[in-house]
Amino acid sequence: MELPAPSHPITVARNAKRVRVVFAGEVIADTTRALTLNETGYAPVHYIPRADVAMSRLKPTAHASHCPYKGDANYFSFSADGRTADNAAWSYEQPFPAMAEIAGYLAFYPNRVDKIEESPAR
């Protein structure tokens, strides 16, 4: 386990905008409660609470990964309109203590969905 540091900063902040994830014309996630994680060397990632994700559409997969800063990630695939997005979403079920804020949230790969859009919150 590694901790964020000045040499590798990671920040998590509430996103004041509405964040929507769309795949095959269907809204997979829609929230005004996203957290945006900024990590050195990576594009910002929106983490969305499970309550704002169409969890009934997501299927857990056997794929997993490990981040020395966040912990072990589990992955999800989903299908719509004859298309499948394999391992397109992930979640840190038990992140390391420094990243505890993202527990219970999911993130999506932008290149595996049609769009992740931000708009002013209503």
C-alpha atoms as a PDB file:
ATOM      1  CA  MET A   1       0.000   0.000   0.000  1.00  0.00           C
ATOM      2  CA  GLU A   2       1.290   3.413  -0.981  1.00  0.00           C
ATOM      3  CA  LEU A   3      -0.030   6.745   0.230  1.00  0.00           C
ATOM      4  CA  PRO A   4      -0.641   9.755  -1.986  1.00  0.00           C
ATOM      5  CA  ALA A   5       2.301  12.121  -1.602  1.00  0.00           C
ATOM      6  CA  PRO A   6       3.652  15.308  -3.171  1.00  0.00           C
ATOM      7  CA  SER A   7       5.425  13.116  -5.725  1.00  0.00           C
ATOM      8  CA  HIS A   8       2.124  11.337  -6.598  1.00  0.00           C
ATOM      9  CA  PRO A   9      -0.839  13.419  -5.455  1.00  0.00           C
ATOM     10  CA  ILE A  10      -4.367  12.015  -5.543  1.00  0.00           C
ATOM     11  CA  THR A  11      -7.364  14.165  -4.680  1.00  0.00           C
ATOM     12  CA  VAL A  12     -11.037  13.283  -4.375  1.00  0.00           C
ATOM     13  CA  ALA A  13     -13.612  16.068  -4.500  1.00  0.00           C
ATOM     14  CA  ARG A  14     -17.361  16.346  -4.818  1.00  0.00           C
ATOM     15  CA  ASN A  15     -18.342  17.190  -8.384  1.00  0.00           C
ATOM     16  CA  ALA A  16     -20.915  20.014  -8.421  1.00  0.00           C
ATOM     17  CA  LYS A  17     -22.157  19.011 -11.887  1.00  0.00           C
ATOM     18  CA  ARG A  18     -24.601  16.390 -13.075  1.00  0.00           C
ATOM     19  CA  VAL A  19     -22.724  13.378 -14.474  1.00  0.00           C
ATOM     20  CA  ARG A  20     -24.391  10.929 -16.854  1.00  0.00           C
ATOM     21  CA  VAL A  21     -23.024   7.754 -18.441  1.00  0.00           C
ATOM     22  CA  VAL A  22     -24.718   6.664 -21.685  1.00  0.00           C
ATOM     23  CA  PHE A  23     -24.277   3.391 -23.541  1.00  0.00           C
ATOM     24  CA  ALA A  24     -26.256   2.273 -26.621  1.00  0.00           C
ATOM     25  CA  GLY A  25     -28.735   5.084 -26.060  1.00  0.00           C
ATOM     26  CA  GLU A  26     -29.428   4.043 -22.466  1.00  0.00           C
ATOM     27  CA  VAL A  27     -28.520   5.994 -19.361  1.00  0.00           C
ATOM     28  CA  ILE A  28     -26.421   3.659 -17.227  1.00  0.00           C
ATOM     29  CA  ALA A  29     -25.712   6.249 -14.523  1.00  0.00           C
ATOM     30  CA  ASP A  30     -27.118   9.683 -13.671  1.00  0.00           C
ATOM     31  CA  THR A  31     -26.027  11.601 -10.588  1.00  0.00           C
ATOM     32  CA  THR A  32     -25.463  14.956  -8.970  1.00  0.00           C
ATOM     33  CA  ARG A  33     -23.419  13.229  -6.249  1.00  0.00           C
ATOM     34  CA  ALA A  34     -20.309  12.146  -8.177  1.00  0.00           C
ATOM     35  CA  LEU A  35     -16.833  12.334  -6.756  1.00  0.00           C
ATOM     36  CA  THR A  36     -14.023  13.265  -9.128  1.00  0.00           C
ATOM     37  CA  LEU A  37     -10.654  11.666  -8.492  1.00  0.00           C
ATOM     38  CA  ASN A  38      -7.575  13.386  -9.880  1.00  0.00           C
ATOM     39  CA  GLU A  39      -4.385  11.334  -9.916  1.00  0.00           C
ATOM     40  CA  THR A  40      -1.023  12.323 -11.328  1.00  0.00           C
ATOM     41  CA  GLY A  41      -0.558  10.982 -14.848  1.00  0.00           C
ATOM     42  CA  TYR A  42      -4.240  10.124 -15.444  1.00  0.00           C
ATOM     43  CA  ALA A  43      -7.345  11.897 -16.697  1.00  0.00           C
ATOM     44  CA  PRO A  44      -9.899  12.795 -13.996  1.00  0.00           C
ATOM     45  CA  VAL A  45     -12.232   9.901 -13.121  1.00  0.00           C
ATOM     46  CA  HIS A  46     -15.824  10.324 -11.969  1.00  0.00           C
ATOM     47  CA  TYR A  47     -16.938   7.926  -9.236  1.00  0.00           C
ATOM     48  CA  ILE A  48     -20.719   7.533  -9.059  1.00  0.00           C
ATOM     49  CA  PRO A  49     -22.695   6.228  -6.074  1.00  0.00           C
ATOM     50  CA  ARG A  50     -24.248   2.804  -6.668  1.00  0.00           C
ATOM     51  CA  ALA A  51     -27.685   4.251  -5.888  1.00  0.00           C
ATOM     52  CA  ASP A  52     -27.353   6.374  -9.049  1.00  0.00           C
ATOM     53  CA  VAL A  53     -26.218   3.523 -11.327  1.00  0.00           C
ATOM     54  CA  ALA A  54     -28.542   1.067 -13.087  1.00  0.00           C
ATOM     55  CA  MET A  55     -26.969  -1.788 -11.116  1.00  0.00           C
ATOM     56  CA  SER A  56     -29.512  -4.296 -12.471  1.00  0.00           C
ATOM     57  CA  ARG A  57     -27.861  -3.789 -15.903  1.00  0.00           C
ATOM     58  CA  LEU A  58     -24.333  -4.494 -14.641  1.00  0.00           C
ATOM     59  CA  LYS A  59     -22.880  -7.972 -14.370  1.00  0.00           C
ATOM     60  CA  PRO A  60     -19.804  -8.646 -12.214  1.00  0.00           C
ATOM     61  CA  THR A  61     -16.892 -10.213 -14.081  1.00  0.00           C
ATOM     62  CA  ALA A  62     -13.887 -12.250 -12.974  1.00  0.00           C
ATOM     63  CA  HIS A  63     -11.548  -9.440 -14.047  1.00  0.00           C
ATOM     64  CA  ALA A  64      -9.681  -7.654 -11.237  1.00  0.00           C
ATOM     65  CA  SER A  65      -6.820  -5.213 -10.904  1.00  0.00           C
ATOM     66  CA  HIS A  66      -4.690  -3.751  -8.151  1.00  0.00           C
ATOM     67  CA  CYS A  67      -3.649  -0.153  -7.581  1.00  0.00           C
ATOM     68  CA  PRO A  68      -0.965   0.443  -4.971  1.00  0.00           C
ATOM     69  CA  TYR A  69      -2.777   3.639  -3.914  1.00  0.00           C
ATOM     70  CA  LYS A  70      -6.431   2.541  -4.025  1.00  0.00           C
ATOM     71  CA  GLY A  71      -6.440  -1.233  -3.535  1.00  0.00           C
ATOM     72  CA  ASP A  72      -8.176  -4.055  -5.437  1.00  0.00           C
ATOM     73  CA  ALA A  73     -10.780  -3.228  -8.084  1.00  0.00           C
ATOM     74  CA  ASN A  74     -13.672  -5.396  -9.227  1.00  0.00           C
ATOM     75  CA  TYR A  75     -15.136  -4.997 -12.722  1.00  0.00           C
ATOM     76  CA  PHE A  76     -18.551  -5.021 -14.365  1.00  0.00           C
ATOM     77  CA  SER A  77     -19.827  -5.486 -17.913  1.00  0.00           C
ATOM     78  CA  PHE A  78     -23.193  -4.465 -19.340  1.00  0.00           C
ATOM     79  CA  SER A  79     -25.207  -4.917 -22.519  1.00  0.00           C
ATOM     80  CA  ALA A  80     -27.802  -2.867 -24.361  1.00  0.00           C
ATOM     81  CA  ASP A  81     -29.272  -2.896 -27.853  1.00  0.00           C
ATOM     82  CA  GLY A  82     -27.165  -5.883 -28.928  1.00  0.00           C
ATOM     83  CA  ARG A  83     -23.885  -4.293 -27.788  1.00  0.00           C
ATOM     84  CA  THR A  84     -21.716  -5.299 -24.847  1.00  0.00           C
ATOM     85  CA  ALA A  85     -19.248  -3.208 -22.880  1.00  0.00           C
ATOM     86  CA  ASP A  86     -16.833  -5.683 -21.317  1.00  0.00           C
ATOM     87  CA  ASN A  87     -15.209  -4.683 -18.021  1.00  0.00           C
ATOM     88  CA  ALA A  88     -16.404  -1.118 -18.632  1.00  0.00           C
ATOM     89  CA  ALA A  89     -17.000  -0.185 -14.997  1.00  0.00           C
ATOM     90  CA  TRP A  90     -15.024  -0.790 -11.846  1.00  0.00           C
ATOM     91  CA  SER A  91     -15.338  -0.385  -8.130  1.00  0.00           C
ATOM     92  CA  TYR A  92     -13.020  -0.504  -5.139  1.00  0.00           C
ATOM     93  CA  GLU A  93     -15.156  -2.412  -2.653  1.00  0.00           C
ATOM     94  CA  GLN A  94     -12.642  -2.009   0.165  1.00  0.00           C
ATOM     95  CA  PRO A  95     -10.213   0.714  -0.881  1.00  0.00           C
ATOM     96  CA  PHE A  96      -7.165   1.502   1.167  1.00  0.00           C
ATOM     97  CA  PRO A  97      -7.917   3.932   4.040  1.00  0.00           C
ATOM     98  CA  ALA A  98      -6.487   6.969   2.201  1.00  0.00           C
ATOM     99  CA  MET A  99      -9.096   6.435  -0.560  1.00  0.00           C
ATOM    100  CA  ALA A 100     -12.006   5.334   1.659  1.00  0.00           C
ATOM    101  CA  GLU A 101     -14.266   7.996   0.089  1.00  0.00           C
ATOM    102  CA  ILE A 102     -14.674   5.987  -3.123  1.00  0.00           C
ATOM    103  CA  ALA A 103     -16.013   2.834  -1.406  1.00  0.00           C
ATOM    104  CA  GLY A 104     -19.489   2.083  -2.765  1.00  0.00           C
ATOM    105  CA  TYR A 105     -18.903   4.115  -5.936  1.00  0.00           C
ATOM    106  CA  LEU A 106     -18.367   2.984  -9.539  1.00  0.00           C
ATOM    107  CA  ALA A 107     -16.281   4.485 -12.317  1.00  0.00           C
ATOM    108  CA  PHE A 108     -16.573   3.953 -16.079  1.00  0.00           C
ATOM    109  CA  TYR A 109     -13.985   3.797 -18.857  1.00  0.00           C
ATOM    110  CA  PRO A 110     -14.823   6.636 -21.275  1.00  0.00           C
ATOM    111  CA  ASN A 111     -13.709   4.558 -24.278  1.00  0.00           C
ATOM    112  CA  ARG A 112     -16.065   1.680 -23.407  1.00  0.00           C
ATOM    113  CA  VAL A 113     -19.265   3.725 -23.178  1.00  0.00           C
ATOM    114  CA  ASP A 114     -20.755   6.151 -25.700  1.00  0.00           C
ATOM    115  CA  LYS A 115     -20.301   9.159 -23.474  1.00  0.00           C
ATOM    116  CA  ILE A 116     -19.724  10.447 -20.005  1.00  0.00           C
ATOM    117  CA  GLU A 117     -21.222  13.898 -19.894  1.00  0.00           C
ATOM    118  CA  GLU A 118     -21.149  16.684 -17.350  1.00  0.00           C
ATOM    119  CA  SER A 119     -23.776  19.422 -17.245  1.00  0.00           C
ATOM    120  CA  PRO A 120     -24.859  21.996 -14.698  1.00  0.00           C
ATOM    121  CA  ALA A 121     -26.768  20.405 -11.822  1.00  0.00           C
ATOM    122  CA  ARG A 122     -30.408  21.388 -11.686  1.00  0.00           C
END
